C-alpha atoms as a PDB file:
ATOM      1  CA  UNK A   1       0.000   0.000   0.000  1.00  0.00           C
ATOM      2  CA  UNK A   2       1.304   3.424  -0.892  1.00  0.00           C
ATOM      3  CA  UNK A   3       0.450   6.128   1.635  1.00  0.00           C
ATOM      4  CA  UNK A   4      -0.414   9.418  -0.037  1.00  0.00           C
ATOM      5  CA  UNK A   5       0.152  11.381   3.181  1.00  0.00           C
ATOM      6  CA  UNK A   6       3.903  10.691   2.903  1.00  0.00           C
ATOM      7  CA  UNK A   7       4.316  12.251  -0.552  1.00  0.00           C
ATOM      8  CA  UNK A   8       6.058  15.612  -0.723  1.00  0.00           C
ATOM      9  CA  UNK A   9       6.103  18.601  -3.076  1.00  0.00           C
ATOM     10  CA  UNK A  10       9.774  19.566  -3.452  1.00  0.00           C
ATOM     11  CA  UNK A  11      10.624  23.006  -4.784  1.00  0.00           C
ATOM     12  CA  UNK A  12      13.727  23.573  -6.891  1.00  0.00           C
ATOM     13  CA  UNK A  13      16.576  25.149  -4.949  1.00  0.00           C
ATOM     14  CA  UNK A  14      17.007  27.617  -7.814  1.00  0.00           C
ATOM     15  CA  UNK A  15      13.571  29.149  -7.151  1.00  0.00           C
ATOM     16  CA  UNK A  16      13.704  30.859  -3.742  1.00  0.00           C
ATOM     17  CA  UNK A  17      10.231  32.384  -4.140  1.00  0.00           C
ATOM     18  CA  UNK A  18       7.890  30.922  -1.562  1.00  0.00           C
ATOM     19  CA  UNK A  19       4.705  29.343  -2.759  1.00  0.00           C
ATOM     20  CA  UNK A  20       1.949  27.425  -1.072  1.00  0.00           C
ATOM     21  CA  UNK A  21       2.528  23.686  -0.867  1.00  0.00           C
ATOM     22  CA  UNK A  22       0.098  21.691  -2.961  1.00  0.00           C
ATOM     23  CA  UNK A  23      -2.061  19.351  -0.936  1.00  0.00           C
ATOM     24  CA  UNK A  24      -1.411  15.695  -1.758  1.00  0.00           C
ATOM     25  CA  UNK A  25      -4.300  13.878  -3.418  1.00  0.00           C
ATOM     26  CA  UNK A  26      -6.605  11.847  -1.207  1.00  0.00           C
ATOM     27  CA  UNK A  27      -5.880   8.799  -3.363  1.00  0.00           C
ATOM     28  CA  UNK A  28      -3.641   7.707  -6.222  1.00  0.00           C
ATOM     29  CA  UNK A  29      -6.529   5.897  -7.910  1.00  0.00           C
ATOM     30  CA  UNK A  30      -6.756   6.966 -11.546  1.00  0.00           C
ATOM     31  CA  UNK A  31      -3.565   9.034 -11.269  1.00  0.00           C
ATOM     32  CA  UNK A  32      -0.345   8.650 -13.237  1.00  0.00           C
ATOM     33  CA  UNK A  33       2.946   9.026 -11.381  1.00  0.00           C
ATOM     34  CA  UNK A  34       5.951  10.392 -13.275  1.00  0.00           C
ATOM     35  CA  UNK A  35       9.220   8.662 -12.362  1.00  0.00           C
ATOM     36  CA  UNK A  36      12.217  10.819 -13.250  1.00  0.00           C
ATOM     37  CA  UNK A  37      15.756   9.496 -13.414  1.00  0.00           C
ATOM     38  CA  UNK A  38      18.085  12.426 -12.750  1.00  0.00           C
ATOM     39  CA  UNK A  39      21.064  10.670 -14.350  1.00  0.00           C
ATOM     40  CA  UNK A  40      22.933   9.510 -11.247  1.00  0.00           C
ATOM     41  CA  UNK A  41      24.606   6.139 -10.937  1.00  0.00           C
ATOM     42  CA  UNK A  42      22.125   3.259 -10.510  1.00  0.00           C
ATOM     43  CA  UNK A  43      19.136   5.565 -10.905  1.00  0.00           C
ATOM     44  CA  UNK A  44      17.536   3.207 -13.420  1.00  0.00           C
ATOM     45  CA  UNK A  45      17.677   0.344 -10.921  1.00  0.00           C
ATOM     46  CA  UNK A  46      16.065   2.486  -8.241  1.00  0.00           C
ATOM     47  CA  UNK A  47      13.266   3.566 -10.581  1.00  0.00           C
ATOM     48  CA  UNK A  48      12.753  -0.051 -11.646  1.00  0.00           C
ATOM     49  CA  UNK A  49      12.061  -0.906  -7.993  1.00  0.00           C
ATOM     50  CA  UNK A  50       9.758   2.078  -7.482  1.00  0.00           C
ATOM     51  CA  UNK A  51       7.862   1.242 -10.645  1.00  0.00           C
ATOM     52  CA  UNK A  52       7.423  -2.336  -9.452  1.00  0.00           C
ATOM     53  CA  UNK A  53       5.885  -1.162  -6.173  1.00  0.00           C
ATOM     54  CA  UNK A  54       3.539   1.249  -7.953  1.00  0.00           C
ATOM     55  CA  UNK A  55       2.462  -1.449 -10.439  1.00  0.00           C
ATOM     56  CA  UNK A  56       1.827  -3.899  -7.623  1.00  0.00           C
ATOM     57  CA  UNK A  57      -0.481  -1.272  -6.087  1.00  0.00           C
ATOM     58  CA  UNK A  58      -2.243  -0.790  -9.448  1.00  0.00           C
ATOM     59  CA  UNK A  59      -0.880   2.728  -9.997  1.00  0.00           C
ATOM     60  CA  UNK A  60       0.070   3.863 -13.508  1.00  0.00           C
ATOM     61  CA  UNK A  61       3.566   5.236 -14.070  1.00  0.00           C
ATOM     62  CA  UNK A  62       5.480   6.957 -16.857  1.00  0.00           C
ATOM     63  CA  UNK A  63       9.245   7.251 -16.964  1.00  0.00           C
ATOM     64  CA  UNK A  64      11.323  10.310 -17.773  1.00  0.00           C
ATOM     65  CA  UNK A  65      15.017  11.131 -17.608  1.00  0.00           C
ATOM     66  CA  UNK A  66      17.245  14.164 -17.469  1.00  0.00           C
ATOM     67  CA  UNK A  67      20.063  14.096 -20.025  1.00  0.00           C
ATOM     68  CA  UNK A  68      22.617  14.746 -17.249  1.00  0.00           C
ATOM     69  CA  UNK A  69      22.595  15.007 -13.482  1.00  0.00           C
ATOM     70  CA  UNK A  70      24.534  18.287 -13.496  1.00  0.00           C
ATOM     71  CA  UNK A  71      21.774  20.507 -14.891  1.00  0.00           C
ATOM     72  CA  UNK A  72      18.098  21.110 -14.229  1.00  0.00           C
ATOM     73  CA  UNK A  73      15.634  19.144 -16.336  1.00  0.00           C
ATOM     74  CA  UNK A  74      14.922  20.696 -19.736  1.00  0.00           C
ATOM     75  CA  UNK A  75      11.712  22.711 -19.919  1.00  0.00           C
ATOM     76  CA  UNK A  76      10.304  20.309 -22.524  1.00  0.00           C
ATOM     77  CA  UNK A  77      10.683  17.365 -20.116  1.00  0.00           C
ATOM     78  CA  UNK A  78       9.009  19.286 -17.296  1.00  0.00           C
ATOM     79  CA  UNK A  79       6.143  20.297 -19.599  1.00  0.00           C
ATOM     80  CA  UNK A  80       5.729  16.690 -20.731  1.00  0.00           C
ATOM     81  CA  UNK A  81       5.537  15.507 -17.118  1.00  0.00           C
ATOM     82  CA  UNK A  82       2.960  18.197 -16.294  1.00  0.00           C
ATOM     83  CA  UNK A  83       0.851  17.159 -19.288  1.00  0.00           C
ATOM     84  CA  UNK A  84       1.064  13.402 -18.735  1.00  0.00           C
ATOM     85  CA  UNK A  85       1.134  12.863 -14.950  1.00  0.00           C
ATOM     86  CA  UNK A  86      -0.499  14.216 -11.819  1.00  0.00           C
ATOM     87  CA  UNK A  87       2.373  13.404  -9.426  1.00  0.00           C
ATOM     88  CA  UNK A  88       6.122  13.010  -9.757  1.00  0.00           C
ATOM     89  CA  UNK A  89       8.904  11.142  -7.993  1.00  0.00           C
ATOM     90  CA  UNK A  90      12.369  12.507  -8.649  1.00  0.00           C
ATOM     91  CA  UNK A  91      14.714   9.597  -8.033  1.00  0.00           C
ATOM     92  CA  UNK A  92      18.006  10.140  -6.236  1.00  0.00           C
ATOM     93  CA  UNK A  93      20.079   6.990  -6.125  1.00  0.00           C
ATOM     94  CA  UNK A  94      23.379   7.789  -4.428  1.00  0.00           C
END
């Protein structure tokens, strides 16, 4: 079981402007979760495990990746995630 109350809404460190935190959804039913690999070592393995847990819980996922871990995600990738998913997990694997 995946507990929605433990999901977080991280804000990029490059955007110091404060904004209200989005409330997590009451349920993940009918939602798609974006899984983003930031390009760190073994990130794919970590996302494979996350995806397995989400699938087991019946939650749809879509995978995305940054071209490199040293830069922010390209705007096109962020727009694609916003258009295709309602939640996102940014996977750190160190």
